[in-house]
Amino acid sequence: MDIDKIINAYRSKVNAEDANPQKVAQAKDDTLKKIENAAALSALLGNIRTAYDMISDAVTGRYKGIAKSTLALLAGGLAYLAMPLDLVPDFIPVAGWMDDAAVLAWIFKRCGDEFQKYQGFKSSQPPN
């Protein structure tokens, strides 16, 4: 898999407005509302929040050193979750959420080390 091709494909579809922190925060809120009743995704809720926060902090420059491939993987996973029509459409009971959960679980496992580094970064920051 050529990660540079994937990143460039996403980059061509994402503009500066998409990286706007307010837009990222709104997408986070919308996604969290969407999954409130999805039992298959509830176990991943903490990691979903962390992924949105990590992307937001990386885009705004507060969190540095994250690999572009990790950002692309997280953004792609969250975009997959947000899309109602994907491999198994979300309107199909249970199965529609199971594919989203499987994709996200795989991504979060791959990004586990980065999640730990980010949580260390967040705990070292003064409270807002």
Protein backbone atom coordinates (compact mmCIF):
# COMPACT_ATOMS: atom_id res chain seq x y z
CA MET A 1 0.00 0.00 0.00
CA ASP A 2 1.44 3.37 -1.02
CA ILE A 3 0.56 5.74 1.81
CA ASP A 4 1.76 8.80 -0.16
CA LYS A 5 -0.84 8.10 -2.86
CA ILE A 6 -3.54 7.83 -0.21
CA ILE A 7 -2.44 11.05 1.51
CA ASN A 8 -2.31 12.90 -1.82
CA ALA A 9 -5.78 11.63 -2.72
CA TYR A 10 -7.16 12.96 0.58
CA ARG A 11 -5.18 16.19 0.26
CA SER A 12 -6.75 16.90 -3.13
CA LYS A 13 -10.23 16.54 -1.60
CA VAL A 14 -9.57 18.52 1.59
CA ASN A 15 -9.27 22.27 1.54
CA ALA A 16 -8.31 24.80 4.23
CA GLU A 17 -11.95 25.19 5.27
CA ASP A 18 -12.14 21.47 6.08
CA ALA A 19 -9.21 21.85 8.50
CA ASN A 20 -10.88 24.76 10.29
CA PRO A 21 -10.92 23.91 14.04
CA GLN A 22 -14.59 24.92 14.34
CA LYS A 23 -15.51 22.63 11.45
CA VAL A 24 -13.56 19.75 13.03
CA ALA A 25 -15.33 20.40 16.36
CA GLN A 26 -18.72 20.40 14.64
CA ALA A 27 -17.89 17.14 12.84
CA LYS A 28 -16.89 15.64 16.20
CA ASP A 29 -20.18 16.72 17.80
CA ASP A 30 -22.21 15.41 14.84
CA THR A 31 -20.42 12.06 14.90
CA LEU A 32 -20.78 11.63 18.66
CA LYS A 33 -24.52 12.31 18.41
CA LYS A 34 -24.77 9.80 15.58
CA ILE A 35 -23.19 6.98 17.57
CA GLU A 36 -24.99 7.52 20.88
CA ASN A 37 -27.34 4.62 20.13
CA ALA A 38 -24.88 2.39 18.30
CA ALA A 39 -23.81 -0.29 20.75
CA ALA A 40 -21.18 -1.58 18.33
CA LEU A 41 -19.39 1.77 18.48
CA SER A 42 -19.84 2.62 22.16
CA ALA A 43 -16.67 0.75 23.15
CA LEU A 44 -14.73 2.94 20.73
CA LEU A 45 -16.19 6.24 21.91
CA GLY A 46 -13.13 7.30 23.93
CA ASN A 47 -10.80 6.63 21.01
CA ILE A 48 -13.13 8.45 18.62
CA ARG A 49 -12.99 11.54 20.84
CA THR A 50 -9.22 11.22 21.14
CA ALA A 51 -8.83 10.89 17.37
CA TYR A 52 -10.85 14.07 16.74
CA ASP A 53 -8.87 15.95 19.40
CA MET A 54 -5.55 14.69 18.02
CA ILE A 55 -6.43 15.79 14.49
CA SER A 56 -7.61 19.19 15.72
CA ASP A 57 -4.46 19.74 17.79
CA ALA A 58 -2.22 18.61 14.92
CA VAL A 59 -3.99 20.85 12.38
CA THR A 60 -3.74 23.89 14.66
CA GLY A 61 -0.08 23.18 15.45
CA ARG A 62 -0.57 22.47 19.15
CA TYR A 63 0.51 18.85 18.71
CA LYS A 64 3.59 18.34 16.57
CA GLY A 65 5.44 15.31 15.35
CA ILE A 66 2.50 13.16 14.32
CA ALA A 67 3.14 11.33 11.06
CA LYS A 68 1.11 12.43 8.05
CA SER A 69 0.23 8.80 7.44
CA THR A 70 -1.26 8.55 10.95
CA LEU A 71 -3.29 11.72 10.40
CA ALA A 72 -4.53 10.41 7.05
CA LEU A 73 -5.47 7.06 8.60
CA LEU A 74 -7.38 8.70 11.46
CA ALA A 75 -9.11 11.23 9.20
CA GLY A 76 -10.04 8.48 6.76
CA GLY A 77 -11.49 6.33 9.54
CA LEU A 78 -13.53 9.18 10.97
CA ALA A 79 -14.74 10.11 7.49
CA TYR A 80 -15.78 6.47 6.96
CA LEU A 81 -17.71 6.61 10.23
CA ALA A 82 -19.42 9.86 9.24
CA MET A 83 -20.52 8.61 5.80
CA PRO A 84 -23.99 7.03 5.93
CA LEU A 85 -23.34 5.02 2.77
CA ASP A 86 -20.22 2.91 3.03
CA LEU A 87 -19.36 -0.78 2.62
CA VAL A 88 -22.43 -1.75 4.68
CA PRO A 89 -24.83 1.24 4.82
CA ASP A 90 -25.64 2.50 8.32
CA PHE A 91 -29.39 2.15 7.81
CA ILE A 92 -29.01 -1.66 7.85
CA PRO A 93 -29.63 -2.63 11.50
CA VAL A 94 -26.56 -3.81 13.43
CA ALA A 95 -24.44 -4.70 10.39
CA GLY A 96 -24.34 -1.08 9.28
CA TRP A 97 -22.53 -0.12 12.47
CA MET A 98 -20.44 -3.28 12.75
CA ASP A 99 -18.39 -2.50 9.65
CA ASP A 100 -17.72 1.03 10.96
CA ALA A 101 -16.65 -0.43 14.31
CA ALA A 102 -14.36 -2.98 12.63
CA VAL A 103 -12.66 -0.34 10.48
CA LEU A 104 -12.17 2.00 13.43
CA ALA A 105 -10.92 -0.76 15.74
CA TRP A 106 -8.29 -1.72 13.16
CA ILE A 107 -7.22 1.92 12.71
CA PHE A 108 -7.06 2.57 16.45
CA LYS A 109 -4.97 -0.55 16.95
CA ARG A 110 -2.54 0.62 14.26
CA CYS A 111 -2.35 4.07 15.89
CA GLY A 112 -2.03 2.78 19.47
CA ASP A 113 1.49 4.11 20.05
CA GLU A 114 0.50 7.54 18.74
CA PHE A 115 -2.58 7.54 20.99
CA GLN A 116 -0.34 6.91 24.01
CA LYS A 117 2.04 9.71 23.00
CA TYR A 118 -0.89 12.08 22.48
CA GLN A 119 -2.45 11.23 25.85
CA GLY A 120 0.93 11.98 27.48
CA PHE A 121 1.00 15.29 25.62
CA LYS A 122 -2.54 16.15 26.74
CA SER A 123 -1.83 15.30 30.38
CA SER A 124 1.23 17.59 30.35
CA GLN A 125 -0.84 20.56 29.10
CA PRO A 126 -2.35 23.06 31.54
CA PRO A 127 -6.14 22.85 31.80
CA ASN A 128 -8.11 25.22 29.54
